[in-house]
């Protein structure tokens, strides 16, 4: 799109929203911030400027109009632990690449599964399936574990965004990695930070969710999504390299050339195992995923696996810091100014008197697609899950069905945008998938997942007695 037009359209939309009457019962600041947030998202979509400058312009508009105070409100996103987890895992991924441990792992991966690109994709998703139950951070899995493997495989196949070869294999694997991350996040209570939050909110409404009933109910639709979604991506966003007849031999040759593991690789492996241990068990000692990533980065610097120049040169990490922190700030203040609660209450009034099935499906879809306004799964769950669960139950939906379905959607709804969850920001930051393709594929995958989870999931939930 023309740069000038890409600037004018968001501005006109923002002015139009700002000039509208504030809805009854809503804090004017909530509507005003919404009038700035929407044009910011449109600017990110139309790309008149890179995302960082677009987000900065959105922040400037919020400050100049008095909606946010720069010192008090506008910079809060830059202090978010989730944001810094994303930044740290970029640096950790660089440690995998620089030490060549990531390259070695990639060649092992290719040796085992490298006859076809689709096989590599399934290998990535199955890896996510194995590690998801024990690593309660989708950003830690995507950035700290999968990203180094993904980049090493892609680069070993000559696929790099810097030289226009990203579609050889890297673009496809990036999308498979991201969508697989979200599916596995939905399948396990312990796979994503917002899941236990949904469990606690449901308990306050008298609905008991356990690790077992969560997993049992997600098993069939989750496995179907794992099988179907990579196939959908393979046909809609095909890699240029589909068959890799020489990949296994090449991988074996490269591994032989690399020889035994070097000191830097062993050091990187040891630090990675250290981080993995604390990502799994750190909560018992109050050590968060972000703290674990910081400890890992510090060890990489202390052991000279990375130097400070490596950190400074990780330009994409600093770019992500700017646009993601600003979107998180806006998203959190939409909640604080009451826009989200007003929206939830409006939806409850909208479906009042409807048949229970129609009401629940409508509410679930609204809950799902409202994630376009969020830059965090946790923020969405904390602000909307309780209200939508209560309205759904009051409308006649089976309580456990409503609680679990909305909880699963609390991971799956991040498929649509690159900022909907921290894992998206990590993988989008690699540059393998442009924003238009990311959003287009995300919308299609969201529809596929909804069909699977409402359709096959609904039948399965009937079989196991949830409704």
Protein backbone atom coordinates (compact mmCIF):
# COMPACT_ATOMS: atom_id res chain seq x y z
CA UNK A 1 0.00 0.00 0.00
CA UNK A 2 1.12 3.58 -0.72
CA UNK A 3 2.89 5.05 2.31
CA UNK A 4 0.75 8.20 2.40
CA UNK A 5 -2.48 6.22 2.12
CA UNK A 6 -1.23 3.82 4.77
CA UNK A 7 -0.93 6.78 7.14
CA UNK A 8 -4.15 8.57 6.15
CA UNK A 9 -6.52 5.60 6.59
CA UNK A 10 -5.57 4.87 10.24
CA UNK A 11 -5.72 8.57 11.09
CA UNK A 12 -9.20 8.94 9.56
CA UNK A 13 -10.43 5.85 11.40
CA UNK A 14 -9.01 7.19 14.66
CA UNK A 15 -10.58 10.62 14.20
CA UNK A 16 -13.90 9.02 13.33
CA UNK A 17 -13.90 6.83 16.44
CA UNK A 18 -12.73 9.69 18.67
CA UNK A 19 -15.56 11.95 17.44
CA UNK A 20 -18.26 9.38 18.20
CA UNK A 21 -20.30 9.62 21.39
CA UNK A 22 -18.83 7.69 24.28
CA UNK A 23 -21.01 4.61 24.98
CA UNK A 24 -23.14 4.82 28.10
CA UNK A 25 -21.39 3.43 31.15
CA UNK A 26 -17.86 3.65 29.70
CA UNK A 27 -15.06 5.85 30.98
CA UNK A 28 -14.31 8.39 28.21
CA UNK A 29 -10.61 7.52 28.46
CA UNK A 30 -11.44 3.92 27.63
CA UNK A 31 -13.12 4.94 24.37
CA UNK A 32 -10.39 7.47 23.58
CA UNK A 33 -7.65 4.87 24.02
CA UNK A 34 -9.63 2.45 21.85
CA UNK A 35 -9.76 5.22 19.21
CA UNK A 36 -5.95 5.29 19.27
CA UNK A 37 -5.37 1.55 19.60
CA UNK A 38 -7.37 0.65 16.47
CA UNK A 39 -5.46 3.06 14.17
CA UNK A 40 -2.19 1.78 15.65
CA UNK A 41 -3.13 -1.77 14.68
CA UNK A 42 -4.22 -0.58 11.23
CA UNK A 43 -0.87 1.19 10.84
CA UNK A 44 0.91 -2.06 11.71
CA UNK A 45 -1.18 -3.87 9.08
CA UNK A 46 -0.77 -1.27 6.30
CA UNK A 47 2.94 -0.72 7.10
CA UNK A 48 3.46 2.92 6.07
CA UNK A 49 6.41 2.68 8.49
CA UNK A 50 8.07 -0.22 10.34
CA UNK A 51 6.16 -1.47 13.36
CA UNK A 52 8.40 0.27 15.89
CA UNK A 53 7.74 3.78 14.55
CA UNK A 54 4.01 3.03 14.10
CA UNK A 55 3.75 1.94 17.73
CA UNK A 56 5.71 5.03 18.86
CA UNK A 57 3.27 7.26 16.93
CA UNK A 58 0.38 5.51 18.70
CA UNK A 59 2.01 6.14 22.06
CA UNK A 60 2.66 9.78 21.11
CA UNK A 61 -1.01 10.24 20.20
CA UNK A 62 -2.10 8.79 23.54
CA UNK A 63 0.26 11.12 25.41
CA UNK A 64 -0.51 14.30 23.44
CA UNK A 65 -4.27 13.79 23.84
CA UNK A 66 -3.87 13.32 27.59
CA UNK A 67 -5.19 9.74 27.55
CA UNK A 68 -1.92 8.46 29.01
CA UNK A 69 0.74 10.21 31.04
CA UNK A 70 4.13 9.34 29.55
CA UNK A 71 5.98 8.97 32.85
CA UNK A 72 3.18 7.40 34.85
CA UNK A 73 1.38 5.24 32.29
CA UNK A 74 2.95 5.27 28.85
CA UNK A 75 6.12 3.35 29.61
CA UNK A 76 4.67 0.62 31.86
CA UNK A 77 4.87 -1.98 29.10
CA UNK A 78 8.66 -1.60 29.05
CA UNK A 79 8.72 -2.94 32.62
CA UNK A 80 6.67 -6.04 31.76
CA UNK A 81 8.44 -9.31 32.68
CA UNK A 82 6.80 -10.96 29.67
CA UNK A 83 8.38 -8.42 27.33
CA UNK A 84 11.82 -9.04 28.79
CA UNK A 85 11.35 -12.80 28.57
CA UNK A 86 10.86 -12.31 24.83
CA UNK A 87 14.01 -10.19 24.57
CA UNK A 88 16.13 -12.60 26.61
CA UNK A 89 15.16 -15.62 24.51
CA UNK A 90 16.34 -13.79 21.38
CA UNK A 91 19.78 -13.56 22.98
CA UNK A 92 19.66 -17.18 24.13
CA UNK A 93 18.81 -18.25 20.59
CA UNK A 94 21.89 -16.33 19.41
CA UNK A 95 23.93 -18.43 21.88
CA UNK A 96 22.68 -21.62 20.23
CA UNK A 97 23.62 -20.29 16.81
CA UNK A 98 27.01 -18.81 17.70
CA UNK A 99 28.12 -21.90 19.63
CA UNK A 100 26.92 -24.06 16.69
CA UNK A 101 24.92 -26.26 19.07
CA UNK A 102 21.77 -25.17 17.23
CA UNK A 103 23.33 -26.18 13.92
CA UNK A 104 24.28 -29.59 15.30
CA UNK A 105 20.77 -30.17 16.65
CA UNK A 106 19.34 -29.06 13.31
CA UNK A 107 21.42 -31.57 11.39
CA UNK A 108 20.39 -34.33 13.81
CA UNK A 109 16.78 -33.29 13.22
CA UNK A 110 17.29 -33.36 9.45
CA UNK A 111 19.01 -36.73 9.65
CA UNK A 112 16.02 -38.24 11.47
CA UNK A 113 13.13 -36.50 9.69
CA UNK A 114 14.61 -34.70 6.73
CA UNK A 115 13.34 -36.63 3.74
CA UNK A 116 10.38 -34.24 3.40
CA UNK A 117 9.73 -30.71 4.62
CA UNK A 118 6.33 -31.75 5.96
CA UNK A 119 8.06 -34.39 8.07
CA UNK A 120 10.28 -31.71 9.58
CA UNK A 121 7.15 -29.70 10.36
CA UNK A 122 5.56 -32.60 12.18
CA UNK A 123 8.80 -33.18 14.03
CA UNK A 124 8.69 -29.63 15.34
CA UNK A 125 5.05 -29.97 16.46
CA UNK A 126 5.70 -33.33 18.14
CA UNK A 127 8.65 -31.81 19.99
CA UNK A 128 6.29 -29.12 21.27
CA UNK A 129 3.80 -31.81 22.31
CA UNK A 130 6.45 -33.55 24.41
CA UNK A 131 7.83 -30.48 26.17
CA UNK A 132 4.63 -28.44 26.58
CA UNK A 133 3.32 -30.17 29.76
CA UNK A 134 6.49 -29.41 31.71
CA UNK A 135 7.36 -25.89 30.49
CA UNK A 136 4.58 -23.48 31.53
CA UNK A 137 5.69 -20.68 29.21
CA UNK A 138 4.92 -20.73 25.52
CA UNK A 139 7.50 -17.97 24.99
CA UNK A 140 10.20 -20.00 26.72
CA UNK A 141 9.40 -23.01 24.53
CA UNK A 142 9.17 -20.99 21.31
CA UNK A 143 12.16 -18.76 21.92
CA UNK A 144 14.47 -20.73 24.16
CA UNK A 145 14.03 -24.18 22.63
CA UNK A 146 12.31 -24.19 19.23
CA UNK A 147 13.64 -20.95 17.71
CA UNK A 148 17.31 -22.01 17.72
CA UNK A 149 16.38 -25.34 16.09
CA UNK A 150 14.09 -23.61 13.58
CA UNK A 151 16.70 -21.06 12.53
CA UNK A 152 19.47 -23.62 12.35
CA UNK A 153 17.41 -25.96 10.14
CA UNK A 154 16.33 -23.11 7.86
CA UNK A 155 19.80 -21.66 7.49
CA UNK A 156 21.31 -25.10 6.88
CA UNK A 157 18.86 -25.42 3.95
CA UNK A 158 19.87 -22.00 2.60
CA UNK A 159 16.69 -20.23 3.73
CA UNK A 160 17.26 -16.75 5.17
CA UNK A 161 15.00 -13.67 5.21
CA UNK A 162 18.00 -11.39 4.69
CA UNK A 163 18.61 -12.66 1.16
CA UNK A 164 15.00 -13.29 0.09
CA UNK A 165 15.14 -17.07 0.42
CA UNK A 166 12.82 -17.32 3.43
CA UNK A 167 10.13 -19.23 1.53
CA UNK A 168 12.46 -22.11 0.70
CA UNK A 169 11.63 -23.71 4.02
CA UNK A 170 11.92 -21.20 6.89
CA UNK A 171 8.54 -19.48 6.40
CA UNK A 172 6.62 -22.75 6.49
CA UNK A 173 8.49 -24.09 9.52
CA UNK A 174 7.99 -20.80 11.38
CA UNK A 175 4.22 -20.94 10.97
CA UNK A 176 4.10 -24.64 11.88
CA UNK A 177 6.19 -23.92 14.96
CA UNK A 178 3.91 -21.05 16.03
CA UNK A 179 0.59 -22.78 15.45
CA UNK A 180 1.90 -25.97 17.05
CA UNK A 181 2.97 -23.96 20.08
CA UNK A 182 -0.58 -22.64 20.52
CA UNK A 183 -2.26 -26.03 20.04
CA UNK A 184 -0.04 -27.69 22.64
CA UNK A 185 -0.53 -24.70 24.96
CA UNK A 186 -4.27 -25.42 24.81
CA UNK A 187 -3.87 -29.15 25.45
CA UNK A 188 -2.23 -29.05 28.87
CA UNK A 189 -3.15 -27.14 32.03
CA UNK A 190 0.56 -26.63 32.73
CA UNK A 191 1.59 -25.52 29.23
CA UNK A 192 0.81 -21.80 29.45
CA UNK A 193 0.73 -19.28 32.29
CA UNK A 194 -2.87 -18.18 31.70
CA UNK A 195 -4.24 -21.75 31.96
CA UNK A 196 -4.01 -22.05 35.76
CA UNK A 197 -5.52 -18.56 35.95
CA UNK A 198 -8.57 -19.80 34.02
CA UNK A 199 -8.70 -22.82 36.33
CA UNK A 200 -8.73 -20.54 39.40
CA UNK A 201 -11.42 -18.27 37.95
CA UNK A 202 -13.60 -21.27 37.12
CA UNK A 203 -13.16 -22.60 40.67
CA UNK A 204 -14.50 -19.31 42.06
CA UNK A 205 -17.67 -19.99 40.06
CA UNK A 206 -17.92 -23.52 41.46
CA UNK A 207 -16.49 -25.32 38.41
CA UNK A 208 -13.70 -27.82 39.08
CA UNK A 209 -11.01 -28.15 36.41
CA UNK A 210 -8.21 -30.67 37.04
CA UNK A 211 -5.09 -31.48 35.06
CA UNK A 212 -6.71 -34.77 34.06
CA UNK A 213 -10.11 -33.53 32.87
CA UNK A 214 -8.41 -30.64 31.06
CA UNK A 215 -6.13 -33.03 29.15
CA UNK A 216 -8.78 -35.69 28.54
CA UNK A 217 -11.18 -33.16 27.02
CA UNK A 218 -8.45 -31.62 24.84
CA UNK A 219 -6.95 -34.93 23.67
CA UNK A 220 -9.03 -35.63 20.56
CA UNK A 221 -9.44 -32.07 19.19
CA UNK A 222 -5.83 -31.30 20.09
CA UNK A 223 -4.40 -34.29 18.25
CA UNK A 224 -6.63 -33.55 15.24
CA UNK A 225 -5.34 -29.96 15.18
CA UNK A 226 -1.76 -31.24 15.37
CA UNK A 227 -2.43 -33.47 12.35
CA UNK A 228 -4.54 -31.09 10.26
CA UNK A 229 -3.08 -27.62 10.82
CA UNK A 230 0.43 -28.42 9.45
CA UNK A 231 -1.24 -29.91 6.37
CA UNK A 232 -3.35 -26.78 5.90
CA UNK A 233 -0.24 -24.62 6.16
CA UNK A 234 1.63 -26.93 3.78
CA UNK A 235 -0.98 -26.36 1.05
CA UNK A 236 -1.74 -22.69 1.75
CA UNK A 237 1.82 -21.53 2.41
CA UNK A 238 3.94 -24.21 0.75
CA UNK A 239 7.69 -24.36 1.14
CA UNK A 240 9.63 -24.11 -2.09
CA UNK A 241 11.65 -27.14 -1.02
CA UNK A 242 9.19 -29.99 -0.45
CA UNK A 243 11.27 -33.10 -0.94
CA UNK A 244 14.77 -33.31 0.44
CA UNK A 245 16.27 -36.40 -1.24
CA UNK A 246 19.81 -35.48 -0.31
CA UNK A 247 19.06 -33.95 3.08
CA UNK A 248 19.82 -37.05 5.16
CA UNK A 249 23.16 -37.64 3.43
CA UNK A 250 23.99 -33.94 3.67
CA UNK A 251 23.18 -33.89 7.38
CA UNK A 252 25.35 -36.93 8.03
CA UNK A 253 28.21 -35.34 6.11
CA UNK A 254 27.88 -32.02 7.96
CA UNK A 255 27.80 -33.77 11.35
CA UNK A 256 30.95 -35.64 10.43
CA UNK A 257 32.64 -32.40 9.36
CA UNK A 258 31.65 -30.73 12.62
CA UNK A 259 33.31 -33.53 14.57
CA UNK A 260 32.78 -34.00 18.30
CA UNK A 261 31.07 -31.29 20.33
CA UNK A 262 33.27 -28.31 21.13
CA UNK A 263 33.66 -26.55 24.47
CA UNK A 264 31.24 -23.75 23.52
CA UNK A 265 28.60 -26.32 22.55
CA UNK A 266 28.95 -28.23 25.83
CA UNK A 267 28.74 -24.95 27.73
CA UNK A 268 25.63 -23.91 25.80
CA UNK A 269 24.07 -27.33 26.42
CA UNK A 270 24.81 -27.14 30.13
CA UNK A 271 23.31 -23.65 30.41
CA UNK A 272 20.29 -24.75 28.41
CA UNK A 273 19.73 -27.73 30.76
CA UNK A 274 20.07 -25.35 33.70
CA UNK A 275 17.38 -23.09 32.21
CA UNK A 276 15.17 -26.05 31.33
CA UNK A 277 15.30 -27.26 34.94
CA UNK A 278 14.20 -23.88 36.29
CA UNK A 279 11.56 -23.41 33.59
CA UNK A 280 10.04 -26.67 34.82
CA UNK A 281 10.57 -26.43 38.59
CA UNK A 282 11.43 -22.76 39.22
CA UNK A 283 7.95 -21.80 40.43
CA UNK A 284 8.52 -23.86 43.57
CA UNK A 285 11.24 -21.38 44.57
CA UNK A 286 9.59 -18.27 43.20
CA UNK A 287 11.86 -18.17 40.14
CA UNK A 288 9.84 -17.04 37.13
CA UNK A 289 10.44 -17.93 33.49
CA UNK A 290 11.79 -14.42 32.90
CA UNK A 291 14.25 -14.70 35.80
CA UNK A 292 15.39 -18.05 34.45
CA UNK A 293 16.03 -16.53 31.02
CA UNK A 294 17.99 -13.67 32.65
CA UNK A 295 20.11 -16.17 34.58
CA UNK A 296 20.76 -18.06 31.35
CA UNK A 297 21.79 -14.92 29.48
CA UNK A 298 24.09 -13.90 32.34
CA UNK A 299 25.78 -17.30 32.27
CA UNK A 300 26.24 -17.06 28.51
CA UNK A 301 28.00 -13.73 28.97
CA UNK A 302 30.11 -14.95 31.90
CA UNK A 303 31.28 -18.02 29.98
CA UNK A 304 32.03 -16.05 26.77
CA UNK A 305 29.54 -18.03 24.71
CA UNK A 306 28.16 -14.56 23.97
CA UNK A 307 29.76 -11.15 24.36
CA UNK A 308 28.06 -7.81 24.87
CA UNK A 309 28.51 -6.91 21.22
CA UNK A 310 26.40 -9.94 20.32
CA UNK A 311 23.64 -8.62 22.56
CA UNK A 312 23.80 -5.12 21.10
CA UNK A 313 23.81 -6.47 17.55
CA UNK A 314 20.60 -8.47 18.05
CA UNK A 315 18.66 -5.66 16.36
CA UNK A 316 15.37 -7.52 15.98
CA UNK A 317 15.16 -8.06 19.74
CA UNK A 318 15.37 -4.32 20.38
CA UNK A 319 12.81 -3.67 17.64
CA UNK A 320 10.40 -6.13 19.28
CA UNK A 321 10.96 -4.40 22.62
CA UNK A 322 9.57 -1.13 21.26
CA UNK A 323 6.44 -2.26 19.43
CA UNK A 324 5.49 -5.09 21.79
CA UNK A 325 5.90 -3.01 24.96
CA UNK A 326 3.72 -0.22 23.57
CA UNK A 327 0.97 -2.63 22.50
CA UNK A 328 1.06 -4.28 25.94
CA UNK A 329 0.73 -0.84 27.54
CA UNK A 330 -2.29 0.06 25.42
CA UNK A 331 -3.90 -3.32 25.96
CA UNK A 332 -3.50 -3.14 29.75
CA UNK A 333 -4.95 0.37 29.92
CA UNK A 334 -7.94 -0.62 27.80
CA UNK A 335 -8.67 -2.94 30.70
CA UNK A 336 -7.89 -0.39 33.42
CA UNK A 337 -10.11 2.25 31.81
CA UNK A 338 -13.00 -0.22 31.78
CA UNK A 339 -13.30 -0.76 28.02
CA UNK A 340 -12.94 -4.55 28.32
CA UNK A 341 -15.48 -4.95 31.14
CA UNK A 342 -17.91 -2.68 29.25
CA UNK A 343 -17.46 -4.83 26.15
CA UNK A 344 -18.05 -8.05 28.15
CA UNK A 345 -21.20 -6.70 29.77
CA UNK A 346 -22.49 -5.54 26.39
CA UNK A 347 -22.07 -9.04 25.01
CA UNK A 348 -24.01 -10.51 27.93
CA UNK A 349 -26.90 -8.17 27.26
CA UNK A 350 -26.69 -8.94 23.53
CA UNK A 351 -27.36 -12.70 23.93
CA UNK A 352 -29.91 -12.41 26.72
CA UNK A 353 -32.91 -14.62 25.99
CA UNK A 354 -31.19 -16.65 23.25
CA UNK A 355 -31.19 -20.47 23.06
CA UNK A 356 -28.34 -21.75 25.24
CA UNK A 357 -26.37 -23.34 22.37
CA UNK A 358 -26.60 -20.29 20.11
CA UNK A 359 -25.77 -17.99 23.00
CA UNK A 360 -22.70 -19.97 24.04
CA UNK A 361 -21.33 -20.37 20.51
CA UNK A 362 -21.80 -16.64 19.90
CA UNK A 363 -20.13 -15.71 23.17
CA UNK A 364 -17.25 -18.10 22.52
CA UNK A 365 -16.68 -16.64 19.06
CA UNK A 366 -16.75 -13.09 20.41
CA UNK A 367 -14.33 -14.09 23.18
CA UNK A 368 -12.09 -15.72 20.56
CA UNK A 369 -11.96 -12.91 18.02
CA UNK A 370 -11.76 -10.13 20.59
CA UNK A 371 -8.14 -11.23 20.97
CA UNK A 372 -7.31 -8.87 18.12
CA UNK A 373 -7.41 -6.21 20.88
CA UNK A 374 -4.96 -8.00 23.16
CA UNK A 375 -1.20 -8.39 23.23
CA UNK A 376 -1.24 -11.04 25.95
CA UNK A 377 -3.12 -14.26 26.70
CA UNK A 378 -2.90 -13.57 30.40
CA UNK A 379 -4.36 -10.07 30.03
CA UNK A 380 -7.26 -11.44 27.99
CA UNK A 381 -8.03 -14.21 30.48
CA UNK A 382 -7.76 -11.94 33.49
CA UNK A 383 -10.06 -9.32 32.01
CA UNK A 384 -12.70 -11.32 30.10
CA UNK A 385 -12.72 -15.00 31.05
CA UNK A 386 -14.73 -14.64 34.26
CA UNK A 387 -17.39 -12.44 32.69
CA UNK A 388 -17.83 -14.61 29.59
CA UNK A 389 -17.91 -17.80 31.67
CA UNK A 390 -20.58 -16.39 33.98
CA UNK A 391 -22.71 -15.13 31.08
CA UNK A 392 -22.35 -18.47 29.26
CA UNK A 393 -23.45 -20.47 32.31
CA UNK A 394 -26.35 -18.09 32.96
CA UNK A 395 -27.38 -18.55 29.31
CA UNK A 396 -27.69 -22.31 29.93
CA UNK A 397 -24.32 -23.68 28.77
CA UNK A 398 -23.02 -26.74 30.73
CA UNK A 399 -20.60 -25.20 33.27
CA UNK A 400 -17.60 -27.51 32.74
CA UNK A 401 -18.02 -27.39 28.96
CA UNK A 402 -18.09 -23.59 28.98
CA UNK A 403 -15.11 -23.34 31.34
CA UNK A 404 -12.93 -25.74 29.34
CA UNK A 405 -13.91 -24.45 25.91
CA UNK A 406 -13.16 -20.83 26.80
CA UNK A 407 -9.91 -21.96 28.43
CA UNK A 408 -8.79 -23.79 25.28
CA UNK A 409 -9.67 -20.76 23.19
CA UNK A 410 -7.47 -18.71 25.53
CA UNK A 411 -4.48 -20.24 23.74
CA UNK A 412 -5.89 -20.91 20.29
CA UNK A 413 -7.08 -17.32 19.74
CA UNK A 414 -3.48 -16.11 19.52
CA UNK A 415 -3.16 -17.74 16.09
CA UNK A 416 -4.45 -14.64 14.34
CA UNK A 417 -1.82 -11.97 15.00
CA UNK A 418 1.90 -11.66 15.55
CA UNK A 419 1.42 -9.80 18.84
CA UNK A 420 -1.34 -11.90 20.43
CA UNK A 421 1.10 -13.80 22.61
CA UNK A 422 4.78 -13.50 23.44
CA UNK A 423 5.63 -16.60 21.36
CA UNK A 424 4.25 -14.78 18.32
CA UNK A 425 6.50 -11.81 18.89
CA UNK A 426 9.52 -14.11 19.23
CA UNK A 427 8.87 -16.04 16.01
CA UNK A 428 7.63 -13.07 13.98
CA UNK A 429 10.83 -11.27 14.91
CA UNK A 430 12.85 -13.74 12.83
CA UNK A 431 11.49 -12.09 9.67
CA UNK A 432 10.58 -15.34 7.94
CA UNK A 433 6.86 -14.53 7.61
CA UNK A 434 5.64 -11.05 6.53
CA UNK A 435 2.80 -9.50 8.47
CA UNK A 436 0.20 -9.89 5.72
CA UNK A 437 0.83 -13.61 5.38
CA UNK A 438 0.93 -13.99 9.18
CA UNK A 439 -2.49 -12.41 9.64
CA UNK A 440 -4.04 -14.14 6.63
CA UNK A 441 -2.81 -17.58 7.62
CA UNK A 442 -3.71 -16.89 11.23
CA UNK A 443 -7.31 -16.12 10.34
CA UNK A 444 -7.63 -19.31 8.27
CA UNK A 445 -6.02 -21.44 10.98
CA UNK A 446 -8.35 -19.89 13.57
CA UNK A 447 -11.35 -21.05 11.50
CA UNK A 448 -9.85 -24.53 11.07
CA UNK A 449 -9.25 -24.81 14.82
CA UNK A 450 -12.77 -23.62 15.61
CA UNK A 451 -14.25 -26.25 13.30
CA UNK A 452 -12.11 -28.96 14.90
CA UNK A 453 -12.70 -27.94 18.51
CA UNK A 454 -16.41 -27.14 18.15
CA UNK A 455 -17.04 -30.09 15.80
CA UNK A 456 -14.91 -33.09 16.74
CA UNK A 457 -14.35 -31.60 20.17
CA UNK A 458 -18.07 -31.22 20.77
CA UNK A 459 -18.68 -34.88 19.85
CA UNK A 460 -15.78 -36.01 22.06
CA UNK A 461 -17.00 -33.92 24.98
CA UNK A 462 -20.41 -35.56 24.61
CA UNK A 463 -18.81 -39.02 24.66
CA UNK A 464 -16.88 -38.34 27.87
CA UNK A 465 -19.90 -36.76 29.55
CA UNK A 466 -18.93 -33.10 29.80
CA UNK A 467 -22.33 -32.13 28.42
